[in-house]
Amino acid sequence: MIVSVKVERVTLDTSNNRFVVILRDEINDRWLPIVVGPAEAQAIAFELERVVPPRPMTHDLIRNLLSSLNVKIAKVVVSDLRENTYYATIGLKQNGSENEIDARPSDAIALALRTKAPIFVEEQVMEQAAISEEMTQTEPVNQMDEINQLNVELQKAIEEERYEDAAKLRDLINEKSTETKKSPKEGRN
């Protein structure tokens, strides 16, 4: 059985300095965190924030190629979790035929967002790795959301060659990251 999910956000896990995309199962109040690379995090965040880069990014190019070939993305499924690695498939439709291709979840999600395709997760994957509402801590997540938003603004400033703004944003991100790292440690003492 597959579960419909929405991309809730992309955030920076400051404890490990890794980006995480959060998929939300709204019916069962569960979240599935998936670690993604910085480029994929940026691609997902740009689409969520409706940031249009001056030139097409890789996922925009793939969307454009598929569209020019009259191929539609029917759905994306995070299909498996093996040895701490997530697997996904992209369901494609063309001229009445359907194909499924293997993909990294981060790429599949970035494409699904760009094509408005539904995103699903296999129930067994949710059971293995999802976080339920009672397990979440809103304070650190809010801080990470703020840092993630600042990272998006930083990338936009760099692309627009506003280097003075970019330097200020970089400093603010470093300051907030330091605060986030100190805060949990202070709470344990």
Protein backbone atom coordinates (compact mmCIF):
# COMPACT_ATOMS: atom_id res chain seq x y z
CA MET A 1 0.00 0.00 0.00
CA ILE A 2 1.25 3.50 -0.79
CA VAL A 3 0.64 6.61 1.29
CA SER A 4 0.14 10.05 -0.23
CA VAL A 5 2.58 12.65 1.11
CA LYS A 6 3.36 16.31 0.61
CA VAL A 7 6.76 17.97 0.78
CA GLU A 8 6.50 19.97 3.96
CA ARG A 9 9.93 21.60 3.86
CA VAL A 10 13.64 21.26 3.28
CA THR A 11 15.73 22.00 6.31
CA LEU A 12 19.30 21.94 7.51
CA ASP A 13 20.07 19.42 10.23
CA THR A 14 22.67 21.52 12.02
CA SER A 15 23.78 18.67 14.28
CA ASN A 16 25.09 16.78 11.24
CA ASN A 17 25.32 19.67 8.77
CA ARG A 18 23.10 17.81 6.28
CA PHE A 19 20.00 18.83 4.39
CA VAL A 20 16.79 16.95 5.04
CA VAL A 21 13.56 16.95 3.04
CA ILE A 22 10.49 16.34 5.20
CA LEU A 23 7.59 14.43 3.62
CA ARG A 24 4.30 14.64 5.51
CA ASP A 25 1.54 12.06 5.69
CA GLU A 26 -1.30 14.40 6.68
CA ILE A 27 -3.81 11.62 7.33
CA ASN A 28 -1.74 9.81 9.97
CA ASP A 29 0.29 12.80 11.24
CA ARG A 30 3.64 11.26 10.30
CA TRP A 31 6.75 12.81 8.81
CA LEU A 32 9.42 11.06 6.81
CA PRO A 33 12.83 12.78 6.91
CA ILE A 34 15.13 11.98 3.98
CA VAL A 35 18.72 13.25 3.84
CA VAL A 36 19.49 14.89 0.50
CA GLY A 37 22.52 16.50 -1.07
CA PRO A 38 22.95 20.28 -1.13
CA ALA A 39 22.19 20.61 -4.86
CA GLU A 40 19.00 18.57 -4.54
CA ALA A 41 18.00 20.47 -1.39
CA GLN A 42 18.43 23.71 -3.30
CA ALA A 43 16.39 22.39 -6.24
CA ILE A 44 13.55 21.32 -3.95
CA ALA A 45 13.69 24.52 -1.87
CA PHE A 46 13.69 26.73 -4.97
CA GLU A 47 10.54 25.04 -6.23
CA LEU A 48 8.84 25.24 -2.82
CA GLU A 49 9.74 28.93 -2.54
CA ARG A 50 8.88 29.59 -6.20
CA VAL A 51 12.37 30.95 -6.87
CA VAL A 52 13.07 31.06 -10.59
CA PRO A 53 16.78 30.77 -11.38
CA PRO A 54 18.11 32.80 -14.30
CA ARG A 55 19.00 29.58 -16.17
CA PRO A 56 17.33 26.16 -15.97
CA MET A 57 18.63 23.87 -13.26
CA THR A 58 19.10 20.16 -13.98
CA HIS A 59 15.61 19.21 -12.79
CA ASP A 60 14.09 22.00 -14.89
CA LEU A 61 15.98 20.65 -17.89
CA ILE A 62 14.67 17.12 -17.28
CA ARG A 63 11.12 18.45 -16.93
CA ASN A 64 11.50 20.36 -20.20
CA LEU A 65 12.93 17.32 -22.00
CA LEU A 66 10.10 15.08 -20.79
CA SER A 67 7.53 17.67 -21.79
CA SER A 68 9.01 18.04 -25.28
CA LEU A 69 8.75 14.25 -25.70
CA ASN A 70 5.13 14.24 -24.43
CA VAL A 71 6.09 12.16 -21.41
CA LYS A 72 4.16 12.82 -18.18
CA ILE A 73 5.26 11.95 -14.70
CA ALA A 74 2.28 10.05 -13.31
CA LYS A 75 3.64 9.63 -9.79
CA VAL A 76 6.72 9.35 -7.66
CA VAL A 77 7.03 6.65 -5.01
CA VAL A 78 9.61 6.36 -2.24
CA SER A 79 9.59 2.61 -2.54
CA ASP A 80 12.19 1.12 -0.23
CA LEU A 81 14.66 1.69 2.58
CA ARG A 82 17.67 -0.61 2.65
CA GLU A 83 20.84 -0.14 4.70
CA ASN A 84 19.87 3.48 5.48
CA THR A 85 19.41 4.28 1.80
CA TYR A 86 16.06 5.30 0.36
CA TYR A 87 14.97 4.19 -3.10
CA ALA A 88 12.34 5.72 -5.34
CA THR A 89 10.63 5.16 -8.64
CA ILE A 90 9.23 7.61 -11.15
CA GLY A 91 6.13 6.48 -13.00
CA LEU A 92 6.12 7.75 -16.58
CA LYS A 93 3.26 7.82 -19.12
CA GLN A 94 3.69 8.26 -22.85
CA ASN A 95 1.20 7.49 -25.62
CA GLY A 96 -0.82 5.15 -23.42
CA SER A 97 2.15 3.13 -22.20
CA GLU A 98 3.58 3.29 -18.70
CA ASN A 99 7.13 2.81 -17.49
CA GLU A 100 8.73 2.95 -14.10
CA ILE A 101 12.31 4.08 -13.64
CA ASP A 102 14.61 3.89 -10.64
CA ALA A 103 15.64 7.23 -9.12
CA ARG A 104 17.10 8.80 -6.03
CA PRO A 105 14.23 10.14 -3.90
CA SER A 106 15.70 13.65 -3.96
CA ASP A 107 15.68 13.77 -7.77
CA ALA A 108 12.24 12.17 -7.97
CA ILE A 109 10.82 14.70 -5.48
CA ALA A 110 12.40 17.66 -7.29
CA LEU A 111 10.84 16.46 -10.56
CA ALA A 112 7.46 15.74 -8.97
CA LEU A 113 7.30 19.28 -7.59
CA ARG A 114 8.12 20.77 -10.98
CA THR A 115 5.51 18.66 -12.79
CA LYS A 116 2.83 18.75 -10.06
CA ALA A 117 2.95 14.94 -9.90
CA PRO A 118 1.70 13.20 -6.75
CA ILE A 119 4.28 11.86 -4.30
CA PHE A 120 3.76 8.62 -2.40
CA VAL A 121 5.66 6.50 0.13
CA GLU A 122 5.28 2.75 0.57
CA GLU A 123 3.62 2.01 3.92
CA GLN A 124 6.48 -0.32 4.93
CA VAL A 125 8.93 2.58 4.52
CA MET A 126 6.72 4.84 6.64
CA GLU A 127 6.54 2.15 9.32
CA GLN A 128 10.34 1.79 9.30
CA ALA A 129 11.37 5.44 9.34
CA ALA A 130 8.50 7.88 9.90
CA ILE A 131 8.34 10.20 12.86
CA SER A 132 4.95 10.67 14.49
CA GLU A 133 3.62 13.92 15.92
CA GLU A 134 4.48 13.06 19.51
CA MET A 135 8.13 12.49 18.54
CA THR A 136 8.63 15.95 16.99
CA GLN A 137 10.17 18.96 18.66
CA THR A 138 8.91 22.21 17.18
CA GLU A 139 11.53 24.62 18.51
CA PRO A 140 14.60 23.17 16.72
CA VAL A 141 12.58 22.63 13.54
CA ASN A 142 11.51 26.30 13.52
CA GLN A 143 15.15 27.38 13.92
CA MET A 144 16.17 25.04 11.09
CA ASP A 145 13.38 26.39 8.89
CA GLU A 146 14.71 29.90 9.44
CA ILE A 147 18.24 28.80 8.52
CA ASN A 148 16.92 27.00 5.45
CA GLN A 149 15.04 30.13 4.33
CA LEU A 150 18.21 32.17 4.79
CA ASN A 151 20.13 29.64 2.67
CA VAL A 152 17.57 30.04 -0.13
CA GLU A 153 17.93 33.83 0.10
CA LEU A 154 21.73 33.45 0.06
CA GLN A 155 21.65 31.37 -3.11
CA LYS A 156 19.33 33.88 -4.76
CA ALA A 157 21.63 36.77 -3.78
CA ILE A 158 24.64 34.95 -5.23
CA GLU A 159 22.81 34.18 -8.49
CA GLU A 160 21.77 37.83 -8.75
CA GLU A 161 25.37 38.87 -7.99
CA ARG A 162 24.36 40.81 -4.87
CA TYR A 163 27.54 39.84 -3.07
CA GLU A 164 27.24 42.35 -0.23
CA ASP A 165 23.79 40.96 0.65
CA ALA A 166 25.17 37.43 0.27
CA ALA A 167 27.97 38.14 2.76
CA LYS A 168 25.47 39.49 5.30
CA LEU A 169 23.23 36.46 4.84
CA ARG A 170 26.21 34.11 5.18
CA ASP A 171 27.18 35.76 8.46
CA LEU A 172 23.61 35.55 9.75
CA ILE A 173 23.40 31.86 8.81
CA ASN A 174 26.69 31.16 10.62
CA GLU A 175 25.44 33.04 13.69
CA LYS A 176 22.13 31.15 13.76
CA SER A 177 23.86 27.81 13.15
CA THR A 178 26.17 28.48 16.11
CA GLU A 179 23.17 29.37 18.30
CA THR A 180 21.39 26.17 17.30
CA LYS A 181 24.44 24.03 18.07
CA LYS A 182 24.92 25.68 21.48
CA SER A 183 21.27 25.58 22.51
CA PRO A 184 20.80 21.78 22.82
CA LYS A 185 24.10 21.37 24.67
CA GLU A 186 23.13 24.04 27.20
CA GLY A 187 19.82 22.30 27.77
CA ARG A 188 21.51 19.01 28.74
CA ASN A 189 23.71 20.50 31.49
